[in-house]
Amino acid sequence: MDEFTRKFNAAEDKEQQVHYILTSVYESLKEKGYDPINQIVGYILSEDPTYITNHNSARSLICKIDRDELLQVLVKSYLEL
């Protein structure tokens, strides 16, 4: 067992988790023939999970992310901060 100190960045881990979930939800919506962008925007604006398909457990995945956290990650990514 190595004796190196490991550092974890919780914010970076959260962003990676949000990215993974959002990508998975996007692909699930696309597979079912929906317009993924419109469906995700509808979910973000209303917080109504019925905008997201149950296909591949996409709805339960997106419900794991707090909407405020999702918006923060999206804005940060858009502004490339």
Protein backbone atom coordinates (compact mmCIF):
# COMPACT_ATOMS: atom_id res chain seq x y z
CA MET A 1 0.00 0.00 0.00
CA ASP A 2 1.45 3.37 -0.97
CA GLU A 3 1.81 6.15 1.55
CA PHE A 4 1.06 9.07 -0.75
CA THR A 5 -1.47 11.68 0.30
CA ARG A 6 -4.37 11.84 -2.08
CA LYS A 7 -6.32 15.04 -2.59
CA PHE A 8 -9.84 15.11 -3.89
CA ASN A 9 -11.64 18.12 -5.24
CA ALA A 10 -15.32 17.75 -4.37
CA ALA A 11 -16.39 20.51 -6.79
CA GLU A 12 -14.54 18.86 -9.67
CA ASP A 13 -16.02 15.46 -8.79
CA LYS A 14 -19.52 16.99 -8.73
CA GLU A 15 -18.97 18.58 -12.16
CA GLN A 16 -17.85 15.23 -13.56
CA GLN A 17 -20.90 13.54 -12.09
CA VAL A 18 -23.21 16.19 -13.57
CA HIS A 19 -21.48 15.84 -16.95
CA TYR A 20 -21.89 12.06 -16.90
CA ILE A 21 -25.56 12.24 -15.90
CA LEU A 22 -26.42 14.98 -18.39
CA THR A 23 -24.68 13.10 -21.20
CA SER A 24 -26.49 9.88 -20.30
CA VAL A 25 -29.85 11.65 -20.16
CA TYR A 26 -29.14 13.35 -23.49
CA GLU A 27 -28.35 10.02 -25.16
CA SER A 28 -31.43 8.34 -23.68
CA LEU A 29 -33.70 11.13 -24.93
CA LYS A 30 -32.06 10.96 -28.36
CA GLU A 31 -32.52 7.17 -28.53
CA LYS A 32 -36.23 7.58 -27.83
CA GLY A 33 -36.61 10.16 -30.62
CA TYR A 34 -37.04 13.27 -28.46
CA ASP A 35 -35.29 16.60 -28.98
CA PRO A 36 -32.87 16.28 -26.03
CA ILE A 37 -32.12 19.99 -25.70
CA ASN A 38 -35.79 21.01 -25.56
CA GLN A 39 -36.60 18.24 -23.08
CA ILE A 40 -33.70 19.10 -20.77
CA VAL A 41 -34.52 22.81 -20.91
CA GLY A 42 -38.15 21.99 -20.10
CA TYR A 43 -37.00 19.97 -17.11
CA ILE A 44 -34.67 22.73 -15.88
CA LEU A 45 -37.32 25.43 -16.18
CA SER A 46 -40.15 23.46 -14.60
CA GLU A 47 -38.34 20.81 -12.53
CA ASP A 48 -41.01 18.44 -13.86
CA PRO A 49 -39.30 15.04 -14.26
CA THR A 50 -41.82 13.93 -16.89
CA TYR A 51 -39.80 15.90 -19.44
CA ILE A 52 -37.19 13.15 -19.09
CA THR A 53 -37.76 9.62 -20.35
CA ASN A 54 -37.53 6.59 -18.08
CA HIS A 55 -35.46 4.88 -20.82
CA ASN A 56 -32.11 3.73 -19.37
CA SER A 57 -33.20 5.16 -15.97
CA ALA A 58 -32.60 8.68 -17.29
CA ARG A 59 -35.33 10.19 -15.14
CA SER A 60 -33.97 8.77 -11.91
CA LEU A 61 -30.45 9.84 -12.91
CA ILE A 62 -31.35 13.48 -13.52
CA CYS A 63 -33.32 13.60 -10.27
CA LYS A 64 -30.04 12.89 -8.43
CA ILE A 65 -28.79 16.35 -9.40
CA ASP A 66 -30.06 19.45 -7.64
CA ARG A 67 -31.40 21.84 -10.27
CA ASP A 68 -29.33 24.74 -8.89
CA GLU A 69 -26.16 22.65 -9.12
CA LEU A 70 -27.05 21.68 -12.67
CA LEU A 71 -27.49 25.32 -13.66
CA GLN A 72 -24.22 26.32 -11.97
CA VAL A 73 -22.28 23.64 -13.85
CA LEU A 74 -23.93 24.58 -17.16
CA VAL A 75 -23.23 28.30 -16.77
CA LYS A 76 -19.66 27.66 -15.65
CA SER A 77 -19.11 25.36 -18.61
CA TYR A 78 -20.68 27.82 -21.05
CA LEU A 79 -18.48 30.63 -19.80
CA GLU A 80 -15.50 28.26 -19.67
CA LEU A 81 -14.52 29.26 -16.14
